[in-house]
């Protein structure tokens, strides 16, 4: 089952995610730019602030990855259940 999930996750990343993000229009790319700008501004405050920003960014990325994986696995689970009907 893990192999199936890995293959489906790879397929989603390579074929679906980019297209779906493009459908958000400029919102996604503009938000990415703002995040980079704000991160740079916070890091410039002090060396201590830079450390906090790095840790915060890491933890936010971890949360995001876990949520994305949970949504993907939920979708796979729903798809498998529907396939059994």
Protein backbone atom coordinates (compact mmCIF):
# COMPACT_ATOMS: atom_id res chain seq x y z
CA UNK A 1 0.00 0.00 0.00
CA UNK A 2 2.84 2.41 0.77
CA UNK A 3 4.23 1.97 -2.73
CA UNK A 4 0.84 2.80 -4.22
CA UNK A 5 0.62 5.92 -2.07
CA UNK A 6 4.15 6.96 -3.02
CA UNK A 7 3.38 6.53 -6.71
CA UNK A 8 0.11 8.46 -6.40
CA UNK A 9 1.82 11.23 -4.42
CA UNK A 10 4.50 11.51 -7.09
CA UNK A 11 1.87 11.56 -9.84
CA UNK A 12 -0.09 14.28 -8.03
CA UNK A 13 3.03 16.38 -7.54
CA UNK A 14 4.19 16.03 -11.13
CA UNK A 15 0.84 16.29 -12.91
CA UNK A 16 -1.80 17.90 -10.75
CA UNK A 17 -0.35 20.28 -8.17
CA UNK A 18 1.30 22.68 -10.62
CA UNK A 19 -1.86 22.91 -12.72
CA UNK A 20 -4.07 23.46 -9.68
CA UNK A 21 -1.75 26.14 -8.34
CA UNK A 22 -1.86 27.93 -11.70
CA UNK A 23 -5.65 28.02 -11.38
CA UNK A 24 -5.30 30.20 -8.28
CA UNK A 25 -4.22 32.99 -10.62
CA UNK A 26 -1.68 35.46 -9.33
CA UNK A 27 -2.67 34.87 -5.70
CA UNK A 28 -0.21 32.02 -5.11
CA UNK A 29 2.80 33.60 -6.81
CA UNK A 30 2.16 36.99 -5.21
CA UNK A 31 1.91 35.37 -1.78
CA UNK A 32 5.22 33.56 -2.38
CA UNK A 33 6.90 36.87 -3.20
CA UNK A 34 5.42 38.56 -0.12
CA UNK A 35 6.58 35.70 2.11
CA UNK A 36 10.13 36.03 0.78
CA UNK A 37 10.11 39.80 1.27
CA UNK A 38 8.73 39.60 4.81
CA UNK A 39 11.15 36.82 5.72
CA UNK A 40 14.09 38.93 4.53
CA UNK A 41 12.84 41.93 6.51
CA UNK A 42 12.49 39.89 9.70
CA UNK A 43 15.92 38.31 9.28
CA UNK A 44 17.46 41.78 8.91
CA UNK A 45 16.27 42.86 12.36
CA UNK A 46 18.99 40.97 14.22
CA UNK A 47 20.97 37.72 14.21
CA UNK A 48 18.66 36.41 16.92
CA UNK A 49 15.60 37.27 14.81
CA UNK A 50 17.16 35.48 11.85
CA UNK A 51 17.45 32.32 13.95
CA UNK A 52 13.81 32.55 14.98
CA UNK A 53 12.72 33.10 11.39
CA UNK A 54 14.66 30.03 10.25
CA UNK A 55 13.09 27.89 12.97
CA UNK A 56 9.62 29.28 12.29
CA UNK A 57 9.98 28.65 8.57
CA UNK A 58 11.09 25.07 9.20
CA UNK A 59 8.16 24.36 11.52
CA UNK A 60 5.66 25.97 9.13
CA UNK A 61 7.03 23.85 6.30
CA UNK A 62 6.67 20.73 8.45
CA UNK A 63 3.05 21.57 9.27
CA UNK A 64 2.31 22.26 5.61
CA UNK A 65 3.88 18.99 4.46
CA UNK A 66 1.93 17.00 7.05
CA UNK A 67 -1.35 18.67 6.07
CA UNK A 68 -0.72 18.15 2.35
CA UNK A 69 0.09 14.49 2.93
CA UNK A 70 -3.06 14.05 5.02
CA UNK A 71 -5.19 15.61 2.28
CA UNK A 72 -3.56 13.46 -0.37
CA UNK A 73 -4.04 10.29 1.65
CA UNK A 74 -7.65 11.27 2.33
CA UNK A 75 -8.23 11.68 -1.39
CA UNK A 76 -6.61 8.34 -2.13
CA UNK A 77 -8.69 6.67 0.55
CA UNK A 78 -11.91 8.17 -0.82
CA UNK A 79 -10.92 7.11 -4.34
CA UNK A 80 -10.23 3.55 -3.21
CA UNK A 81 -13.55 3.38 -1.36
CA UNK A 82 -15.43 4.69 -4.39
CA UNK A 83 -13.64 2.13 -6.53
CA UNK A 84 -15.04 -0.65 -4.36
CA UNK A 85 -18.64 0.46 -4.86
